[in-house]
Amino acid sequence: MATTPVVIEWLASRVDDGLQEGLRSLLQSLVEDLCLATAEAATLRRLTTDGRHLVPLAGYHPAPEVQEAIASAMAQTTAVADSGLWRPVVDQQVPVRWHVPVGVVPAEATPAQVEHLRRFPVRAVLGVPLLTSDGALVGGIALHRYSRDAPFTDDDEHLLVAFAAQVADLAALVRATSV
């Protein structure tokens, strides 16, 4: 059987598409495990190759109504310059915590984030950069506390930093091109 360039190109495309789909599915499953371990919601985003946008990769909350809202928010790519709560995580490349008292909306929140916070009051957010094993910034992961009015702790941050270190190299393999 003679292999033509068209067949090689077709197969390479199928392999690449399968790899991308598999990586996204694996990351979604791992984020769901994180949520089970912490009893919090989580969102994972990947920076585009030009570093200007955050592409949603995974998000989870066990309550169907909140999960639907997270899925809706995760359907949108966000410009880093307009990313509100994500911006300091990406710009400073350090974990950032927000405690959100009842009735207060963080000044950094984007209009979409404000709408979400009004509908589903988030009490605290912990954002951590995704840094690959060689130190490259590839995105961020955040825990969102909806039910308890308590700030995230050093232990929470340690857990999320460890999780981020484990998934950053996987996230780096996901294609994230400019919008």
C-alpha atoms as a PDB file:
ATOM      1  CA  MET A   1       0.000   0.000   0.000  1.00  0.00           C
ATOM      2  CA  ALA A   2       1.402   3.366  -1.015  1.00  0.00           C
ATOM      3  CA  THR A   3       0.977   6.161   1.528  1.00  0.00           C
ATOM      4  CA  THR A   4       0.262   9.506  -0.030  1.00  0.00           C
ATOM      5  CA  PRO A   5       0.912  12.942   1.468  1.00  0.00           C
ATOM      6  CA  VAL A   6      -2.878  13.412   1.733  1.00  0.00           C
ATOM      7  CA  VAL A   7      -3.215  10.285   3.897  1.00  0.00           C
ATOM      8  CA  ILE A   8      -0.276  11.326   6.064  1.00  0.00           C
ATOM      9  CA  GLU A   9      -1.770  14.805   6.519  1.00  0.00           C
ATOM     10  CA  TRP A  10      -5.208  13.342   7.316  1.00  0.00           C
ATOM     11  CA  LEU A  11      -3.770  10.945   9.897  1.00  0.00           C
ATOM     12  CA  ALA A  12      -1.612  13.639  11.498  1.00  0.00           C
ATOM     13  CA  SER A  13      -4.684  15.850  11.819  1.00  0.00           C
ATOM     14  CA  ARG A  14      -6.694  13.011  13.409  1.00  0.00           C
ATOM     15  CA  VAL A  15      -3.882  12.260  15.874  1.00  0.00           C
ATOM     16  CA  ASP A  16      -3.548  15.943  16.802  1.00  0.00           C
ATOM     17  CA  ASP A  17      -7.325  16.361  17.241  1.00  0.00           C
ATOM     18  CA  GLY A  18      -7.478  13.200  19.369  1.00  0.00           C
ATOM     19  CA  LEU A  19      -4.568  14.380  21.499  1.00  0.00           C
ATOM     20  CA  GLN A  20      -6.183  17.782  22.077  1.00  0.00           C
ATOM     21  CA  GLU A  21      -9.543  16.201  22.943  1.00  0.00           C
ATOM     22  CA  GLY A  22      -7.875  13.709  25.280  1.00  0.00           C
ATOM     23  CA  LEU A  23      -5.844  16.367  27.063  1.00  0.00           C
ATOM     24  CA  ARG A  24      -8.923  18.544  27.616  1.00  0.00           C
ATOM     25  CA  SER A  25     -10.885  15.545  28.904  1.00  0.00           C
ATOM     26  CA  LEU A  26      -8.061  14.571  31.268  1.00  0.00           C
ATOM     27  CA  LEU A  27      -7.748  18.130  32.589  1.00  0.00           C
ATOM     28  CA  GLN A  28     -11.526  18.300  33.128  1.00  0.00           C
ATOM     29  CA  SER A  29     -11.411  15.052  35.099  1.00  0.00           C
ATOM     30  CA  LEU A  30      -8.488  16.273  37.215  1.00  0.00           C
ATOM     31  CA  VAL A  31     -10.262  19.569  37.940  1.00  0.00           C
ATOM     32  CA  GLU A  32     -13.328  17.614  39.046  1.00  0.00           C
ATOM     33  CA  ASP A  33     -11.090  15.575  41.385  1.00  0.00           C
ATOM     34  CA  LEU A  34      -9.688  18.838  42.769  1.00  0.00           C
ATOM     35  CA  CYS A  35     -13.237  20.014  43.438  1.00  0.00           C
ATOM     36  CA  LEU A  36     -14.067  16.786  45.253  1.00  0.00           C
ATOM     37  CA  ALA A  37     -10.909  17.078  47.353  1.00  0.00           C
ATOM     38  CA  THR A  38     -11.554  20.707  48.309  1.00  0.00           C
ATOM     39  CA  ALA A  39     -15.372  20.949  48.250  1.00  0.00           C
ATOM     40  CA  GLU A  40     -14.927  24.120  46.183  1.00  0.00           C
ATOM     41  CA  ALA A  41     -15.517  25.086  42.548  1.00  0.00           C
ATOM     42  CA  ALA A  42     -12.531  25.376  40.212  1.00  0.00           C
ATOM     43  CA  THR A  43     -11.669  26.891  36.841  1.00  0.00           C
ATOM     44  CA  LEU A  44      -8.575  26.277  34.714  1.00  0.00           C
ATOM     45  CA  ARG A  45      -7.476  28.582  31.906  1.00  0.00           C
ATOM     46  CA  ARG A  46      -4.614  28.463  29.386  1.00  0.00           C
ATOM     47  CA  LEU A  47      -2.784  31.484  28.028  1.00  0.00           C
ATOM     48  CA  THR A  48      -2.736  31.837  24.261  1.00  0.00           C
ATOM     49  CA  THR A  49       0.665  31.570  22.604  1.00  0.00           C
ATOM     50  CA  ASP A  50       0.842  35.366  22.349  1.00  0.00           C
ATOM     51  CA  GLY A  51       0.063  35.725  26.091  1.00  0.00           C
ATOM     52  CA  ARG A  52      -2.863  38.081  25.467  1.00  0.00           C
ATOM     53  CA  HIS A  53      -5.859  35.836  26.199  1.00  0.00           C
ATOM     54  CA  LEU A  54      -6.970  33.184  28.668  1.00  0.00           C
ATOM     55  CA  VAL A  55      -8.655  30.226  26.993  1.00  0.00           C
ATOM     56  CA  PRO A  56     -10.970  28.142  29.212  1.00  0.00           C
ATOM     57  CA  LEU A  57      -9.858  24.524  29.573  1.00  0.00           C
ATOM     58  CA  ALA A  58     -11.874  23.114  32.492  1.00  0.00           C
ATOM     59  CA  GLY A  59     -14.266  24.125  35.235  1.00  0.00           C
ATOM     60  CA  TYR A  60     -16.488  22.380  37.723  1.00  0.00           C
ATOM     61  CA  HIS A  61     -19.013  22.790  40.525  1.00  0.00           C
ATOM     62  CA  PRO A  62     -21.225  19.931  41.755  1.00  0.00           C
ATOM     63  CA  ALA A  63     -24.445  22.011  41.853  1.00  0.00           C
ATOM     64  CA  PRO A  64     -26.046  21.876  38.363  1.00  0.00           C
ATOM     65  CA  GLU A  65     -27.174  25.539  38.340  1.00  0.00           C
ATOM     66  CA  VAL A  66     -23.732  26.815  39.351  1.00  0.00           C
ATOM     67  CA  GLN A  67     -22.032  24.372  36.955  1.00  0.00           C
ATOM     68  CA  GLU A  68     -24.183  25.739  34.142  1.00  0.00           C
ATOM     69  CA  ALA A  69     -23.110  29.302  34.972  1.00  0.00           C
ATOM     70  CA  ILE A  70     -19.461  28.257  35.183  1.00  0.00           C
ATOM     71  CA  ALA A  71     -19.756  26.436  31.846  1.00  0.00           C
ATOM     72  CA  SER A  72     -21.265  29.571  30.307  1.00  0.00           C
ATOM     73  CA  ALA A  73     -18.434  31.729  31.648  1.00  0.00           C
ATOM     74  CA  MET A  74     -15.896  29.120  30.577  1.00  0.00           C
ATOM     75  CA  ALA A  75     -17.222  29.275  27.012  1.00  0.00           C
ATOM     76  CA  GLN A  76     -15.589  32.682  26.613  1.00  0.00           C
ATOM     77  CA  THR A  77     -11.954  33.477  26.024  1.00  0.00           C
ATOM     78  CA  THR A  78     -10.856  36.458  28.114  1.00  0.00           C
ATOM     79  CA  ALA A  79      -8.284  39.095  27.247  1.00  0.00           C
ATOM     80  CA  VAL A  80      -5.656  39.239  30.007  1.00  0.00           C
ATOM     81  CA  ALA A  81      -5.878  43.041  29.987  1.00  0.00           C
ATOM     82  CA  ASP A  82      -9.609  42.741  30.769  1.00  0.00           C
ATOM     83  CA  SER A  83      -9.468  39.628  32.920  1.00  0.00           C
ATOM     84  CA  GLY A  84     -10.363  41.221  36.245  1.00  0.00           C
ATOM     85  CA  LEU A  85      -9.602  38.725  38.973  1.00  0.00           C
ATOM     86  CA  TRP A  86      -7.211  36.743  36.746  1.00  0.00           C
ATOM     87  CA  ARG A  87      -4.978  39.681  35.874  1.00  0.00           C
ATOM     88  CA  PRO A  88      -2.823  39.809  39.036  1.00  0.00           C
ATOM     89  CA  VAL A  89      -2.302  36.026  38.909  1.00  0.00           C
ATOM     90  CA  VAL A  90      -0.983  36.290  35.343  1.00  0.00           C
ATOM     91  CA  ASP A  91       0.889  39.592  35.695  1.00  0.00           C
ATOM     92  CA  GLN A  92       2.603  38.828  39.009  1.00  0.00           C
ATOM     93  CA  GLN A  93       2.828  35.024  38.565  1.00  0.00           C
ATOM     94  CA  VAL A  94       2.093  34.436  42.240  1.00  0.00           C
ATOM     95  CA  PRO A  95      -0.929  33.050  44.102  1.00  0.00           C
ATOM     96  CA  VAL A  96      -3.553  35.678  44.856  1.00  0.00           C
ATOM     97  CA  ARG A  97      -6.398  35.441  47.371  1.00  0.00           C
ATOM     98  CA  TRP A  98      -9.591  37.422  47.558  1.00  0.00           C
ATOM     99  CA  HIS A  99     -12.067  37.302  50.431  1.00  0.00           C
ATOM    100  CA  VAL A 100     -15.384  38.706  49.267  1.00  0.00           C
ATOM    101  CA  PRO A 101     -17.609  39.838  52.163  1.00  0.00           C
ATOM    102  CA  VAL A 102     -21.364  39.526  51.684  1.00  0.00           C
ATOM    103  CA  GLY A 103     -22.645  42.257  49.374  1.00  0.00           C
ATOM    104  CA  VAL A 104     -19.188  43.348  48.200  1.00  0.00           C
ATOM    105  CA  VAL A 105     -17.930  42.988  44.630  1.00  0.00           C
ATOM    106  CA  PRO A 106     -14.152  43.228  44.102  1.00  0.00           C
ATOM    107  CA  ALA A 107     -13.067  46.335  42.207  1.00  0.00           C
ATOM    108  CA  GLU A 108     -11.023  44.120  39.848  1.00  0.00           C
ATOM    109  CA  ALA A 109     -14.097  42.178  38.684  1.00  0.00           C
ATOM    110  CA  THR A 110     -15.119  42.450  35.041  1.00  0.00           C
ATOM    111  CA  PRO A 111     -18.795  43.118  34.174  1.00  0.00           C
ATOM    112  CA  ALA A 112     -19.294  39.397  33.444  1.00  0.00           C
ATOM    113  CA  GLN A 113     -17.690  38.494  36.779  1.00  0.00           C
ATOM    114  CA  VAL A 114     -19.887  41.065  38.576  1.00  0.00           C
ATOM    115  CA  GLU A 115     -22.996  39.482  37.043  1.00  0.00           C
ATOM    116  CA  HIS A 116     -21.863  36.012  38.114  1.00  0.00           C
ATOM    117  CA  LEU A 117     -21.026  37.227  41.643  1.00  0.00           C
ATOM    118  CA  ARG A 118     -24.464  38.801  42.027  1.00  0.00           C
ATOM    119  CA  ARG A 119     -26.223  35.635  40.905  1.00  0.00           C
ATOM    120  CA  PHE A 120     -23.936  33.224  42.780  1.00  0.00           C
ATOM    121  CA  PRO A 121     -22.263  35.038  45.692  1.00  0.00           C
ATOM    122  CA  VAL A 122     -18.673  33.891  45.866  1.00  0.00           C
ATOM    123  CA  ARG A 123     -17.184  34.309  49.325  1.00  0.00           C
ATOM    124  CA  ALA A 124     -13.536  33.741  48.392  1.00  0.00           C
ATOM    125  CA  VAL A 125     -11.298  33.100  45.392  1.00  0.00           C
ATOM    126  CA  LEU A 126      -7.787  31.687  45.280  1.00  0.00           C
ATOM    127  CA  GLY A 127      -5.938  32.067  41.972  1.00  0.00           C
ATOM    128  CA  VAL A 128      -2.637  30.362  41.181  1.00  0.00           C
ATOM    129  CA  PRO A 129      -0.489  30.630  38.049  1.00  0.00           C
ATOM    130  CA  LEU A 130       0.244  27.523  36.004  1.00  0.00           C
ATOM    131  CA  LEU A 131       4.024  27.390  35.732  1.00  0.00           C
ATOM    132  CA  THR A 132       5.581  24.536  33.769  1.00  0.00           C
ATOM    133  CA  SER A 133       8.502  22.496  35.083  1.00  0.00           C
ATOM    134  CA  ASP A 134      10.836  24.907  33.266  1.00  0.00           C
ATOM    135  CA  GLY A 135       9.114  27.968  34.804  1.00  0.00           C
ATOM    136  CA  ALA A 136       7.056  29.127  31.818  1.00  0.00           C
ATOM    137  CA  LEU A 137       3.687  30.704  32.590  1.00  0.00           C
ATOM    138  CA  VAL A 138       0.965  28.835  30.677  1.00  0.00           C
ATOM    139  CA  GLY A 139      -2.216  29.898  32.474  1.00  0.00           C
ATOM    140  CA  GLY A 140      -3.937  29.836  35.818  1.00  0.00           C
ATOM    141  CA  ILE A 141      -6.232  27.836  38.061  1.00  0.00           C
ATOM    142  CA  ALA A 142      -8.657  29.189  40.627  1.00  0.00           C
ATOM    143  CA  LEU A 143     -10.740  27.831  43.472  1.00  0.00           C
ATOM    144  CA  HIS A 144     -14.061  29.576  44.107  1.00  0.00           C
ATOM    145  CA  ARG A 145     -15.744  29.309  47.512  1.00  0.00           C
ATOM    146  CA  TYR A 146     -19.507  29.773  47.268  1.00  0.00           C
ATOM    147  CA  SER A 147     -20.942  28.384  50.469  1.00  0.00           C
ATOM    148  CA  ARG A 148     -18.699  29.398  53.368  1.00  0.00           C
ATOM    149  CA  ASP A 149     -17.877  32.983  54.244  1.00  0.00           C
ATOM    150  CA  ALA A 150     -14.233  32.260  55.001  1.00  0.00           C
ATOM    151  CA  PRO A 151     -11.005  33.262  53.289  1.00  0.00           C
ATOM    152  CA  PHE A 152      -8.729  30.654  51.759  1.00  0.00           C
ATOM    153  CA  THR A 153      -5.879  29.558  54.026  1.00  0.00           C
ATOM    154  CA  ASP A 154      -2.185  28.853  53.586  1.00  0.00           C
ATOM    155  CA  ASP A 155      -3.068  25.131  53.465  1.00  0.00           C
ATOM    156  CA  ASP A 156      -5.579  25.781  50.649  1.00  0.00           C
ATOM    157  CA  GLU A 157      -2.928  27.717  48.747  1.00  0.00           C
ATOM    158  CA  HIS A 158      -0.328  24.986  49.259  1.00  0.00           C
ATOM    159  CA  LEU A 159      -2.754  22.372  47.881  1.00  0.00           C
ATOM    160  CA  LEU A 160      -3.636  24.467  44.817  1.00  0.00           C
ATOM    161  CA  VAL A 161       0.005  25.340  44.100  1.00  0.00           C
ATOM    162  CA  ALA A 162       0.857  21.613  44.236  1.00  0.00           C
ATOM    163  CA  PHE A 163      -2.064  20.785  41.921  1.00  0.00           C
ATOM    164  CA  ALA A 164      -1.041  23.559  39.508  1.00  0.00           C
ATOM    165  CA  ALA A 165       2.497  22.184  39.390  1.00  0.00           C
ATOM    166  CA  GLN A 166       1.130  18.747  38.491  1.00  0.00           C
ATOM    167  CA  VAL A 167      -1.127  19.920  35.652  1.00  0.00           C
ATOM    168  CA  ALA A 168       0.845  22.835  34.180  1.00  0.00           C
ATOM    169  CA  ASP A 169       2.890  20.712  31.767  1.00  0.00           C
ATOM    170  CA  LEU A 170      -0.319  18.987  30.594  1.00  0.00           C
ATOM    171  CA  ALA A 171      -2.023  22.355  30.071  1.00  0.00           C
ATOM    172  CA  ALA A 172       1.018  23.524  28.107  1.00  0.00           C
ATOM    173  CA  LEU A 173       0.337  20.772  25.562  1.00  0.00           C
ATOM    174  CA  VAL A 174      -3.161  22.069  24.843  1.00  0.00           C
ATOM    175  CA  ARG A 175      -3.282  24.213  21.737  1.00  0.00           C
ATOM    176  CA  ALA A 176      -4.208  27.787  22.636  1.00  0.00           C
ATOM    177  CA  THR A 177      -3.841  30.123  19.696  1.00  0.00           C
ATOM    178  CA  SER A 178      -4.620  33.815  19.523  1.00  0.00           C
ATOM    179  CA  VAL A 179      -8.237  34.791  19.283  1.00  0.00           C
END
